[in-house]
mmCIF file of all heavy atoms, coordinates in Angstrom:
data_MODEL
# 
_entry.id   MODEL 
# 
loop_
_atom_site.group_PDB 
_atom_site.id 
_atom_site.type_symbol 
_atom_site.label_atom_id 
_atom_site.label_alt_id 
_atom_site.label_comp_id 
_atom_site.label_asym_id 
_atom_site.label_entity_id 
_atom_site.label_seq_id 
_atom_site.pdbx_PDB_ins_code 
_atom_site.Cartn_x 
_atom_site.Cartn_y 
_atom_site.Cartn_z 
_atom_site.occupancy 
_atom_site.B_iso_or_equiv 
_atom_site.pdbx_formal_charge 
_atom_site.auth_seq_id 
_atom_site.auth_comp_id 
_atom_site.auth_asym_id 
_atom_site.auth_atom_id 
_atom_site.pdbx_PDB_model_num 
ATOM 1   N N   . GLY A 1 1  ? -43.159 20.548 -116.003 1.00 0.00 ? 1  GLY A N   1 
ATOM 2   C CA  . GLY A 1 1  ? -44.053 19.830 -115.096 1.00 0.00 ? 1  GLY A CA  1 
ATOM 3   C C   . GLY A 1 1  ? -43.610 18.408 -114.819 1.00 0.00 ? 1  GLY A C   1 
ATOM 4   O O   . GLY A 1 1  ? -44.109 17.775 -113.873 1.00 0.00 ? 1  GLY A O   1 
ATOM 5   N N   . ASN A 1 2  ? -42.690 17.877 -115.628 1.00 0.00 ? 2  ASN A N   1 
ATOM 6   C CA  . ASN A 1 2  ? -42.163 16.532 -115.408 1.00 0.00 ? 2  ASN A CA  1 
ATOM 7   C C   . ASN A 1 2  ? -40.716 16.570 -114.927 1.00 0.00 ? 2  ASN A C   1 
ATOM 8   O O   . ASN A 1 2  ? -39.946 15.644 -115.151 1.00 0.00 ? 2  ASN A O   1 
ATOM 9   C CB  . ASN A 1 2  ? -42.263 15.712 -116.695 1.00 0.00 ? 2  ASN A CB  1 
ATOM 10  C CG  . ASN A 1 2  ? -43.665 15.213 -116.946 1.00 0.00 ? 2  ASN A CG  1 
ATOM 11  O OD1 . ASN A 1 2  ? -44.037 14.118 -116.564 1.00 0.00 ? 2  ASN A OD1 1 
ATOM 12  N ND2 . ASN A 1 2  ? -44.481 16.053 -117.574 1.00 0.00 ? 2  ASN A ND2 1 
ATOM 13  N N   . SER A 1 3  ? -40.347 17.664 -114.267 1.00 0.00 ? 3  SER A N   1 
ATOM 14  C CA  . SER A 1 3  ? -39.024 17.796 -113.672 1.00 0.00 ? 3  SER A CA  1 
ATOM 15  C C   . SER A 1 3  ? -39.149 17.825 -112.149 1.00 0.00 ? 3  SER A C   1 
ATOM 16  O O   . SER A 1 3  ? -40.243 17.975 -111.602 1.00 0.00 ? 3  SER A O   1 
ATOM 17  C CB  . SER A 1 3  ? -38.350 19.087 -114.169 1.00 0.00 ? 3  SER A CB  1 
ATOM 18  O OG  . SER A 1 3  ? -39.012 20.227 -113.636 1.00 0.00 ? 3  SER A OG  1 
ATOM 19  N N   . ALA A 1 4  ? -38.010 17.724 -111.485 1.00 0.00 ? 4  ALA A N   1 
ATOM 20  C CA  . ALA A 1 4  ? -38.008 17.741 -110.011 1.00 0.00 ? 4  ALA A CA  1 
ATOM 21  C C   . ALA A 1 4  ? -38.349 19.125 -109.466 1.00 0.00 ? 4  ALA A C   1 
ATOM 22  O O   . ALA A 1 4  ? -38.706 19.260 -108.291 1.00 0.00 ? 4  ALA A O   1 
ATOM 23  C CB  . ALA A 1 4  ? -36.635 17.294 -109.499 1.00 0.00 ? 4  ALA A CB  1 
ATOM 24  N N   . GLN A 1 5  ? -38.242 20.157 -110.309 1.00 0.00 ? 5  GLN A N   1 
ATOM 25  C CA  . GLN A 1 5  ? -38.492 21.537 -109.866 1.00 0.00 ? 5  GLN A CA  1 
ATOM 26  C C   . GLN A 1 5  ? -39.950 21.953 -110.067 1.00 0.00 ? 5  GLN A C   1 
ATOM 27  O O   . GLN A 1 5  ? -40.290 23.121 -109.882 1.00 0.00 ? 5  GLN A O   1 
ATOM 28  C CB  . GLN A 1 5  ? -37.581 22.504 -110.630 1.00 0.00 ? 5  GLN A CB  1 
ATOM 29  C CG  . GLN A 1 5  ? -36.109 22.380 -110.294 1.00 0.00 ? 5  GLN A CG  1 
ATOM 30  C CD  . GLN A 1 5  ? -35.486 21.129 -110.879 1.00 0.00 ? 5  GLN A CD  1 
ATOM 31  O OE1 . GLN A 1 5  ? -35.718 20.801 -112.034 1.00 0.00 ? 5  GLN A OE1 1 
ATOM 32  N NE2 . GLN A 1 5  ? -34.710 20.411 -110.073 1.00 0.00 ? 5  GLN A NE2 1 
ATOM 33  N N   . ARG A 1 6  ? -40.808 21.043 -110.444 1.00 0.00 ? 6  ARG A N   1 
ATOM 34  C CA  . ARG A 1 6  ? -42.190 21.365 -110.789 1.00 0.00 ? 6  ARG A CA  1 
ATOM 35  C C   . ARG A 1 6  ? -42.906 22.141 -109.687 1.00 0.00 ? 6  ARG A C   1 
ATOM 36  O O   . ARG A 1 6  ? -43.468 23.209 -109.924 1.00 0.00 ? 6  ARG A O   1 
ATOM 37  C CB  . ARG A 1 6  ? -42.954 20.079 -111.086 1.00 0.00 ? 6  ARG A CB  1 
ATOM 38  C CG  . ARG A 1 6  ? -44.448 20.267 -111.294 1.00 0.00 ? 6  ARG A CG  1 
ATOM 39  C CD  . ARG A 1 6  ? -45.157 18.938 -111.409 1.00 0.00 ? 6  ARG A CD  1 
ATOM 40  N NE  . ARG A 1 6  ? -46.576 19.101 -111.605 1.00 0.00 ? 6  ARG A NE  1 
ATOM 41  C CZ  . ARG A 1 6  ? -47.467 19.271 -110.620 1.00 0.00 ? 6  ARG A CZ  1 
ATOM 42  N NH1 . ARG A 1 6  ? -47.046 19.301 -109.370 1.00 0.00 ? 6  ARG A NH1 1 
ATOM 43  N NH2 . ARG A 1 6  ? -48.756 19.413 -110.896 1.00 0.00 ? 6  ARG A NH2 1 
ATOM 44  N N   . ASP A 1 7  ? -42.911 21.618 -108.469 1.00 0.00 ? 7  ASP A N   1 
ATOM 45  C CA  . ASP A 1 7  ? -43.702 22.210 -107.383 1.00 0.00 ? 7  ASP A CA  1 
ATOM 46  C C   . ASP A 1 7  ? -43.232 23.622 -107.051 1.00 0.00 ? 7  ASP A C   1 
ATOM 47  O O   . ASP A 1 7  ? -44.050 24.530 -106.855 1.00 0.00 ? 7  ASP A O   1 
ATOM 48  C CB  . ASP A 1 7  ? -43.636 21.321 -106.137 1.00 0.00 ? 7  ASP A CB  1 
ATOM 49  C CG  . ASP A 1 7  ? -44.309 19.981 -106.358 1.00 0.00 ? 7  ASP A CG  1 
ATOM 50  O OD1 . ASP A 1 7  ? -45.183 19.897 -107.236 1.00 0.00 ? 7  ASP A OD1 1 
ATOM 51  O OD2 . ASP A 1 7  ? -43.953 19.009 -105.661 1.00 0.00 ? 7  ASP A OD2 1 
ATOM 52  N N   . VAL A 1 8  ? -41.901 23.821 -106.993 1.00 0.00 ? 8  VAL A N   1 
ATOM 53  C CA  . VAL A 1 8  ? -41.360 25.135 -106.641 1.00 0.00 ? 8  VAL A CA  1 
ATOM 54  C C   . VAL A 1 8  ? -41.713 26.166 -107.711 1.00 0.00 ? 8  VAL A C   1 
ATOM 55  O O   . VAL A 1 8  ? -42.214 27.257 -107.411 1.00 0.00 ? 8  VAL A O   1 
ATOM 56  C CB  . VAL A 1 8  ? -39.826 25.065 -106.466 1.00 0.00 ? 8  VAL A CB  1 
ATOM 57  C CG1 . VAL A 1 8  ? -39.249 26.461 -106.239 1.00 0.00 ? 8  VAL A CG1 1 
ATOM 58  C CG2 . VAL A 1 8  ? -39.469 24.157 -105.302 1.00 0.00 ? 8  VAL A CG2 1 
ATOM 59  N N   . LEU A 1 9  ? -41.475 25.817 -108.977 1.00 0.00 ? 9  LEU A N   1 
ATOM 60  C CA  . LEU A 1 9  ? -41.693 26.767 -110.054 1.00 0.00 ? 9  LEU A CA  1 
ATOM 61  C C   . LEU A 1 9  ? -43.182 27.018 -110.310 1.00 0.00 ? 9  LEU A C   1 
ATOM 62  O O   . LEU A 1 9  ? -43.578 28.127 -110.678 1.00 0.00 ? 9  LEU A O   1 
ATOM 63  C CB  . LEU A 1 9  ? -41.019 26.277 -111.329 1.00 0.00 ? 9  LEU A CB  1 
ATOM 64  C CG  . LEU A 1 9  ? -39.490 26.197 -111.252 1.00 0.00 ? 9  LEU A CG  1 
ATOM 65  C CD1 . LEU A 1 9  ? -38.916 25.740 -112.577 1.00 0.00 ? 9  LEU A CD1 1 
ATOM 66  C CD2 . LEU A 1 9  ? -38.891 27.546 -110.862 1.00 0.00 ? 9  LEU A CD2 1 
ATOM 67  N N   . LEU A 1 10 ? -44.009 25.995 -110.109 1.00 0.00 ? 10 LEU A N   1 
ATOM 68  C CA  . LEU A 1 10 ? -45.449 26.189 -110.256 1.00 0.00 ? 10 LEU A CA  1 
ATOM 69  C C   . LEU A 1 10 ? -45.964 27.167 -109.213 1.00 0.00 ? 10 LEU A C   1 
ATOM 70  O O   . LEU A 1 10 ? -46.799 28.037 -109.507 1.00 0.00 ? 10 LEU A O   1 
ATOM 71  C CB  . LEU A 1 10 ? -46.174 24.844 -110.133 1.00 0.00 ? 10 LEU A CB  1 
ATOM 72  C CG  . LEU A 1 10 ? -47.697 24.863 -110.313 1.00 0.00 ? 10 LEU A CG  1 
ATOM 73  C CD1 . LEU A 1 10 ? -48.065 25.390 -111.690 1.00 0.00 ? 10 LEU A CD1 1 
ATOM 74  C CD2 . LEU A 1 10 ? -48.275 23.468 -110.106 1.00 0.00 ? 10 LEU A CD2 1 
ATOM 75  N N   . LYS A 1 11 ? -45.442 27.048 -107.998 1.00 0.00 ? 11 LYS A N   1 
ATOM 76  C CA  . LYS A 1 11 ? -45.832 27.960 -106.914 1.00 0.00 ? 11 LYS A CA  1 
ATOM 77  C C   . LYS A 1 11 ? -45.439 29.395 -107.248 1.00 0.00 ? 11 LYS A C   1 
ATOM 78  O O   . LYS A 1 11 ? -46.161 30.342 -106.933 1.00 0.00 ? 11 LYS A O   1 
ATOM 79  C CB  . LYS A 1 11 ? -45.183 27.505 -105.602 1.00 0.00 ? 11 LYS A CB  1 
ATOM 80  C CG  . LYS A 1 11 ? -45.566 28.344 -104.394 1.00 0.00 ? 11 LYS A CG  1 
ATOM 81  C CD  . LYS A 1 11 ? -44.883 27.819 -103.137 1.00 0.00 ? 11 LYS A CD  1 
ATOM 82  C CE  . LYS A 1 11 ? -45.240 28.672 -101.930 1.00 0.00 ? 11 LYS A CE  1 
ATOM 83  N NZ  . LYS A 1 11 ? -44.548 28.174 -100.698 1.00 0.00 ? 11 LYS A NZ  1 
ATOM 84  N N   . ARG A 1 12 ? -44.281 29.557 -107.896 1.00 0.00 ? 12 ARG A N   1 
ATOM 85  C CA  . ARG A 1 12 ? -43.801 30.903 -108.235 1.00 0.00 ? 12 ARG A CA  1 
ATOM 86  C C   . ARG A 1 12 ? -44.523 31.476 -109.457 1.00 0.00 ? 12 ARG A C   1 
ATOM 87  O O   . ARG A 1 12 ? -44.710 32.690 -109.564 1.00 0.00 ? 12 ARG A O   1 
ATOM 88  C CB  . ARG A 1 12 ? -42.288 30.855 -108.524 1.00 0.00 ? 12 ARG A CB  1 
ATOM 89  C CG  . ARG A 1 12 ? -41.448 30.425 -107.332 1.00 0.00 ? 12 ARG A CG  1 
ATOM 90  C CD  . ARG A 1 12 ? -41.514 31.435 -106.224 1.00 0.00 ? 12 ARG A CD  1 
ATOM 91  N NE  . ARG A 1 12 ? -40.720 31.019 -105.076 1.00 0.00 ? 12 ARG A NE  1 
ATOM 92  C CZ  . ARG A 1 12 ? -40.672 31.687 -103.919 1.00 0.00 ? 12 ARG A CZ  1 
ATOM 93  N NH1 . ARG A 1 12 ? -41.389 32.798 -103.790 1.00 0.00 ? 12 ARG A NH1 1 
ATOM 94  N NH2 . ARG A 1 12 ? -39.942 31.249 -102.923 1.00 0.00 ? 12 ARG A NH2 1 
ATOM 95  N N   . ALA A 1 13 ? -44.892 30.622 -110.379 1.00 0.00 ? 13 ALA A N   1 
ATOM 96  C CA  . ALA A 1 13 ? -45.474 31.097 -111.634 1.00 0.00 ? 13 ALA A CA  1 
ATOM 97  C C   . ALA A 1 13 ? -46.956 31.423 -111.517 1.00 0.00 ? 13 ALA A C   1 
ATOM 98  O O   . ALA A 1 13 ? -47.460 32.313 -112.225 1.00 0.00 ? 13 ALA A O   1 
ATOM 99  C CB  . ALA A 1 13 ? -45.264 30.060 -112.733 1.00 0.00 ? 13 ALA A CB  1 
ATOM 100 N N   . GLN A 1 14 ? -47.657 30.736 -110.632 1.00 0.00 ? 14 GLN A N   1 
ATOM 101 C CA  . GLN A 1 14 ? -49.115 30.891 -110.580 1.00 0.00 ? 14 GLN A CA  1 
ATOM 102 C C   . GLN A 1 14 ? -49.594 32.304 -110.251 1.00 0.00 ? 14 GLN A C   1 
ATOM 103 O O   . GLN A 1 14 ? -50.549 32.782 -110.880 1.00 0.00 ? 14 GLN A O   1 
ATOM 104 C CB  . GLN A 1 14 ? -49.717 29.873 -109.615 1.00 0.00 ? 14 GLN A CB  1 
ATOM 105 C CG  . GLN A 1 14 ? -49.998 28.530 -110.283 1.00 0.00 ? 14 GLN A CG  1 
ATOM 106 C CD  . GLN A 1 14 ? -50.876 27.643 -109.443 1.00 0.00 ? 14 GLN A CD  1 
ATOM 107 O OE1 . GLN A 1 14 ? -50.540 27.327 -108.306 1.00 0.00 ? 14 GLN A OE1 1 
ATOM 108 N NE2 . GLN A 1 14 ? -51.983 27.211 -110.004 1.00 0.00 ? 14 GLN A NE2 1 
ATOM 109 N N   . PRO A 1 15 ? -48.965 33.012 -109.266 1.00 0.00 ? 15 PRO A N   1 
ATOM 110 C CA  . PRO A 1 15 ? -49.463 34.379 -108.995 1.00 0.00 ? 15 PRO A CA  1 
ATOM 111 C C   . PRO A 1 15 ? -49.357 35.300 -110.203 1.00 0.00 ? 15 PRO A C   1 
ATOM 112 O O   . PRO A 1 15 ? -50.279 36.061 -110.490 1.00 0.00 ? 15 PRO A O   1 
ATOM 113 C CB  . PRO A 1 15 ? -48.546 34.842 -107.846 1.00 0.00 ? 15 PRO A CB  1 
ATOM 114 C CG  . PRO A 1 15 ? -48.075 33.592 -107.193 1.00 0.00 ? 15 PRO A CG  1 
ATOM 115 C CD  . PRO A 1 15 ? -47.939 32.593 -108.294 1.00 0.00 ? 15 PRO A CD  1 
ATOM 116 N N   . ILE A 1 16 ? -48.227 35.224 -110.924 1.00 0.00 ? 16 ILE A N   1 
ATOM 117 C CA  . ILE A 1 16 ? -48.071 36.061 -112.118 1.00 0.00 ? 16 ILE A CA  1 
ATOM 118 C C   . ILE A 1 16 ? -49.072 35.635 -113.179 1.00 0.00 ? 16 ILE A C   1 
ATOM 119 O O   . ILE A 1 16 ? -49.677 36.470 -113.860 1.00 0.00 ? 16 ILE A O   1 
ATOM 120 C CB  . ILE A 1 16 ? -46.629 35.962 -112.649 1.00 0.00 ? 16 ILE A CB  1 
ATOM 121 C CG1 . ILE A 1 16 ? -45.653 36.467 -111.597 1.00 0.00 ? 16 ILE A CG1 1 
ATOM 122 C CG2 . ILE A 1 16 ? -46.473 36.757 -113.939 1.00 0.00 ? 16 ILE A CG2 1 
ATOM 123 C CD1 . ILE A 1 16 ? -44.213 36.299 -111.955 1.00 0.00 ? 16 ILE A CD1 1 
ATOM 124 N N   . GLY A 1 17 ? -49.248 34.329 -113.325 1.00 0.00 ? 17 GLY A N   1 
ATOM 125 C CA  . GLY A 1 17 ? -50.229 33.823 -114.280 1.00 0.00 ? 17 GLY A CA  1 
ATOM 126 C C   . GLY A 1 17 ? -51.628 34.304 -113.961 1.00 0.00 ? 17 GLY A C   1 
ATOM 127 O O   . GLY A 1 17 ? -52.405 34.634 -114.872 1.00 0.00 ? 17 GLY A O   1 
ATOM 128 N N   . SER A 1 18 ? -51.968 34.364 -112.668 1.00 0.00 ? 18 SER A N   1 
ATOM 129 C CA  . SER A 1 18 ? -53.303 34.826 -112.272 1.00 0.00 ? 18 SER A CA  1 
ATOM 130 C C   . SER A 1 18 ? -53.517 36.286 -112.660 1.00 0.00 ? 18 SER A C   1 
ATOM 131 O O   . SER A 1 18 ? -54.602 36.665 -113.127 1.00 0.00 ? 18 SER A O   1 
ATOM 132 C CB  . SER A 1 18 ? -53.483 34.653 -110.755 1.00 0.00 ? 18 SER A CB  1 
ATOM 133 O OG  . SER A 1 18 ? -53.397 33.295 -110.393 1.00 0.00 ? 18 SER A OG  1 
ATOM 134 N N   . VAL A 1 19 ? -52.477 37.114 -112.476 1.00 0.00 ? 19 VAL A N   1 
ATOM 135 C CA  . VAL A 1 19 ? -52.595 38.537 -112.829 1.00 0.00 ? 19 VAL A CA  1 
ATOM 136 C C   . VAL A 1 19 ? -52.761 38.698 -114.337 1.00 0.00 ? 19 VAL A C   1 
ATOM 137 O O   . VAL A 1 19 ? -53.645 39.431 -114.809 1.00 0.00 ? 19 VAL A O   1 
ATOM 138 C CB  . VAL A 1 19 ? -51.349 39.311 -112.339 1.00 0.00 ? 19 VAL A CB  1 
ATOM 139 C CG1 . VAL A 1 19 ? -51.388 40.748 -112.851 1.00 0.00 ? 19 VAL A CG1 1 
ATOM 140 C CG2 . VAL A 1 19 ? -51.283 39.299 -110.818 1.00 0.00 ? 19 VAL A CG2 1 
ATOM 141 N N   . LEU A 1 20 ? -51.922 38.007 -115.115 1.00 0.00 ? 20 LEU A N   1 
ATOM 142 C CA  . LEU A 1 20 ? -51.991 38.127 -116.572 1.00 0.00 ? 20 LEU A CA  1 
ATOM 143 C C   . LEU A 1 20 ? -53.303 37.555 -117.116 1.00 0.00 ? 20 LEU A C   1 
ATOM 144 O O   . LEU A 1 20 ? -53.868 38.063 -118.080 1.00 0.00 ? 20 LEU A O   1 
ATOM 145 C CB  . LEU A 1 20 ? -50.799 37.419 -117.212 1.00 0.00 ? 20 LEU A CB  1 
ATOM 146 C CG  . LEU A 1 20 ? -49.432 38.061 -116.951 1.00 0.00 ? 20 LEU A CG  1 
ATOM 147 C CD1 . LEU A 1 20 ? -48.323 37.228 -117.570 1.00 0.00 ? 20 LEU A CD1 1 
ATOM 148 C CD2 . LEU A 1 20 ? -49.378 39.478 -117.486 1.00 0.00 ? 20 LEU A CD2 1 
ATOM 149 N N   . LEU A 1 21 ? -53.784 36.488 -116.477 1.00 0.00 ? 21 LEU A N   1 
ATOM 150 C CA  . LEU A 1 21 ? -55.055 35.906 -116.897 1.00 0.00 ? 21 LEU A CA  1 
ATOM 151 C C   . LEU A 1 21 ? -56.209 36.867 -116.613 1.00 0.00 ? 21 LEU A C   1 
ATOM 152 O O   . LEU A 1 21 ? -57.156 36.972 -117.397 1.00 0.00 ? 21 LEU A O   1 
ATOM 153 C CB  . LEU A 1 21 ? -55.281 34.574 -116.178 1.00 0.00 ? 21 LEU A CB  1 
ATOM 154 C CG  . LEU A 1 21 ? -56.335 33.646 -116.789 1.00 0.00 ? 21 LEU A CG  1 
ATOM 155 C CD1 . LEU A 1 21 ? -55.937 33.257 -118.200 1.00 0.00 ? 21 LEU A CD1 1 
ATOM 156 C CD2 . LEU A 1 21 ? -56.496 32.400 -115.926 1.00 0.00 ? 21 LEU A CD2 1 
ATOM 157 N N   . MET A 1 22 ? -56.104 37.583 -115.479 1.00 0.00 ? 22 MET A N   1 
ATOM 158 C CA  . MET A 1 22 ? -57.115 38.592 -115.167 1.00 0.00 ? 22 MET A CA  1 
ATOM 159 C C   . MET A 1 22 ? -57.135 39.668 -116.260 1.00 0.00 ? 22 MET A C   1 
ATOM 160 O O   . MET A 1 22 ? -58.207 40.092 -116.716 1.00 0.00 ? 22 MET A O   1 
ATOM 161 C CB  . MET A 1 22 ? -56.812 39.226 -113.803 1.00 0.00 ? 22 MET A CB  1 
ATOM 162 C CG  . MET A 1 22 ? -57.781 40.326 -113.385 1.00 0.00 ? 22 MET A CG  1 
ATOM 163 S SD  . MET A 1 22 ? -57.271 41.980 -113.897 1.00 0.00 ? 22 MET A SD  1 
ATOM 164 C CE  . MET A 1 22 ? -55.882 42.260 -112.818 1.00 0.00 ? 22 MET A CE  1 
ATOM 165 N N   . VAL A 1 23 ? -55.947 40.090 -116.709 1.00 0.00 ? 23 VAL A N   1 
ATOM 166 C CA  . VAL A 1 23 ? -55.870 41.095 -117.766 1.00 0.00 ? 23 VAL A CA  1 
ATOM 167 C C   . VAL A 1 23 ? -56.482 40.564 -119.058 1.00 0.00 ? 23 VAL A C   1 
ATOM 168 O O   . VAL A 1 23 ? -57.177 41.288 -119.785 1.00 0.00 ? 23 VAL A O   1 
ATOM 169 C CB  . VAL A 1 23 ? -54.402 41.523 -117.997 1.00 0.00 ? 23 VAL A CB  1 
ATOM 170 C CG1 . VAL A 1 23 ? -54.307 42.495 -119.167 1.00 0.00 ? 23 VAL A CG1 1 
ATOM 171 C CG2 . VAL A 1 23 ? -53.825 42.159 -116.743 1.00 0.00 ? 23 VAL A CG2 1 
ATOM 172 N N   . PHE A 1 24 ? -56.243 39.277 -119.346 1.00 0.00 ? 24 PHE A N   1 
ATOM 173 C CA  . PHE A 1 24 ? -56.789 38.685 -120.568 1.00 0.00 ? 24 PHE A CA  1 
ATOM 174 C C   . PHE A 1 24 ? -58.313 38.726 -120.571 1.00 0.00 ? 24 PHE A C   1 
ATOM 175 O O   . PHE A 1 24 ? -58.937 39.183 -121.530 1.00 0.00 ? 24 PHE A O   1 
ATOM 176 C CB  . PHE A 1 24 ? -56.297 37.240 -120.704 1.00 0.00 ? 24 PHE A CB  1 
ATOM 177 C CG  . PHE A 1 24 ? -56.981 36.470 -121.805 1.00 0.00 ? 24 PHE A CG  1 
ATOM 178 C CD1 . PHE A 1 24 ? -56.755 36.791 -123.128 1.00 0.00 ? 24 PHE A CD1 1 
ATOM 179 C CD2 . PHE A 1 24 ? -57.862 35.444 -121.511 1.00 0.00 ? 24 PHE A CD2 1 
ATOM 180 C CE1 . PHE A 1 24 ? -57.382 36.094 -124.155 1.00 0.00 ? 24 PHE A CE1 1 
ATOM 181 C CE2 . PHE A 1 24 ? -58.493 34.738 -122.522 1.00 0.00 ? 24 PHE A CE2 1 
ATOM 182 C CZ  . PHE A 1 24 ? -58.256 35.062 -123.844 1.00 0.00 ? 24 PHE A CZ  1 
ATOM 183 N N   . PHE A 1 25 ? -58.935 38.273 -119.483 1.00 0.00 ? 25 PHE A N   1 
ATOM 184 C CA  . PHE A 1 25 ? -60.396 38.258 -119.434 1.00 0.00 ? 25 PHE A CA  1 
ATOM 185 C C   . PHE A 1 25 ? -60.964 39.668 -119.313 1.00 0.00 ? 25 PHE A C   1 
ATOM 186 O O   . PHE A 1 25 ? -62.068 39.942 -119.785 1.00 0.00 ? 25 PHE A O   1 
ATOM 187 C CB  . PHE A 1 25 ? -60.875 37.375 -118.289 1.00 0.00 ? 25 PHE A CB  1 
ATOM 188 C CG  . PHE A 1 25 ? -60.758 35.907 -118.590 1.00 0.00 ? 25 PHE A CG  1 
ATOM 189 C CD1 . PHE A 1 25 ? -59.753 35.146 -118.035 1.00 0.00 ? 25 PHE A CD1 1 
ATOM 190 C CD2 . PHE A 1 25 ? -61.627 35.287 -119.462 1.00 0.00 ? 25 PHE A CD2 1 
ATOM 191 C CE1 . PHE A 1 25 ? -59.627 33.798 -118.338 1.00 0.00 ? 25 PHE A CE1 1 
ATOM 192 C CE2 . PHE A 1 25 ? -61.512 33.949 -119.775 1.00 0.00 ? 25 PHE A CE2 1 
ATOM 193 C CZ  . PHE A 1 25 ? -60.511 33.201 -119.210 1.00 0.00 ? 25 PHE A CZ  1 
ATOM 194 N N   . LEU A 1 26 ? -60.203 40.569 -118.694 1.00 0.00 ? 26 LEU A N   1 
ATOM 195 C CA  . LEU A 1 26 ? -60.609 41.972 -118.664 1.00 0.00 ? 26 LEU A CA  1 
ATOM 196 C C   . LEU A 1 26 ? -60.658 42.531 -120.080 1.00 0.00 ? 26 LEU A C   1 
ATOM 197 O O   . LEU A 1 26 ? -61.597 43.243 -120.457 1.00 0.00 ? 26 LEU A O   1 
ATOM 198 C CB  . LEU A 1 26 ? -59.611 42.768 -117.817 1.00 0.00 ? 26 LEU A CB  1 
ATOM 199 C CG  . LEU A 1 26 ? -59.957 44.219 -117.488 1.00 0.00 ? 26 LEU A CG  1 
ATOM 200 C CD1 . LEU A 1 26 ? -61.083 44.266 -116.460 1.00 0.00 ? 26 LEU A CD1 1 
ATOM 201 C CD2 . LEU A 1 26 ? -58.736 44.941 -116.946 1.00 0.00 ? 26 LEU A CD2 1 
ATOM 202 N N   . SER A 1 27 ? -59.654 42.180 -120.889 1.00 0.00 ? 27 SER A N   1 
ATOM 203 C CA  . SER A 1 27 ? -59.624 42.660 -122.273 1.00 0.00 ? 27 SER A CA  1 
ATOM 204 C C   . SER A 1 27 ? -60.775 42.091 -123.097 1.00 0.00 ? 27 SER A C   1 
ATOM 205 O O   . SER A 1 27 ? -61.261 42.729 -124.024 1.00 0.00 ? 27 SER A O   1 
ATOM 206 C CB  . SER A 1 27 ? -58.282 42.301 -122.924 1.00 0.00 ? 27 SER A CB  1 
ATOM 207 O OG  . SER A 1 27 ? -58.177 40.909 -123.150 1.00 0.00 ? 27 SER A OG  1 
# 
């Protein structure tokens, strides 16, 4: 988050994070 690639990688990681987080709360 303190690198120059923060915005690009955050954009890519969030959709996968949302799916896995959904599974966590489902469990």
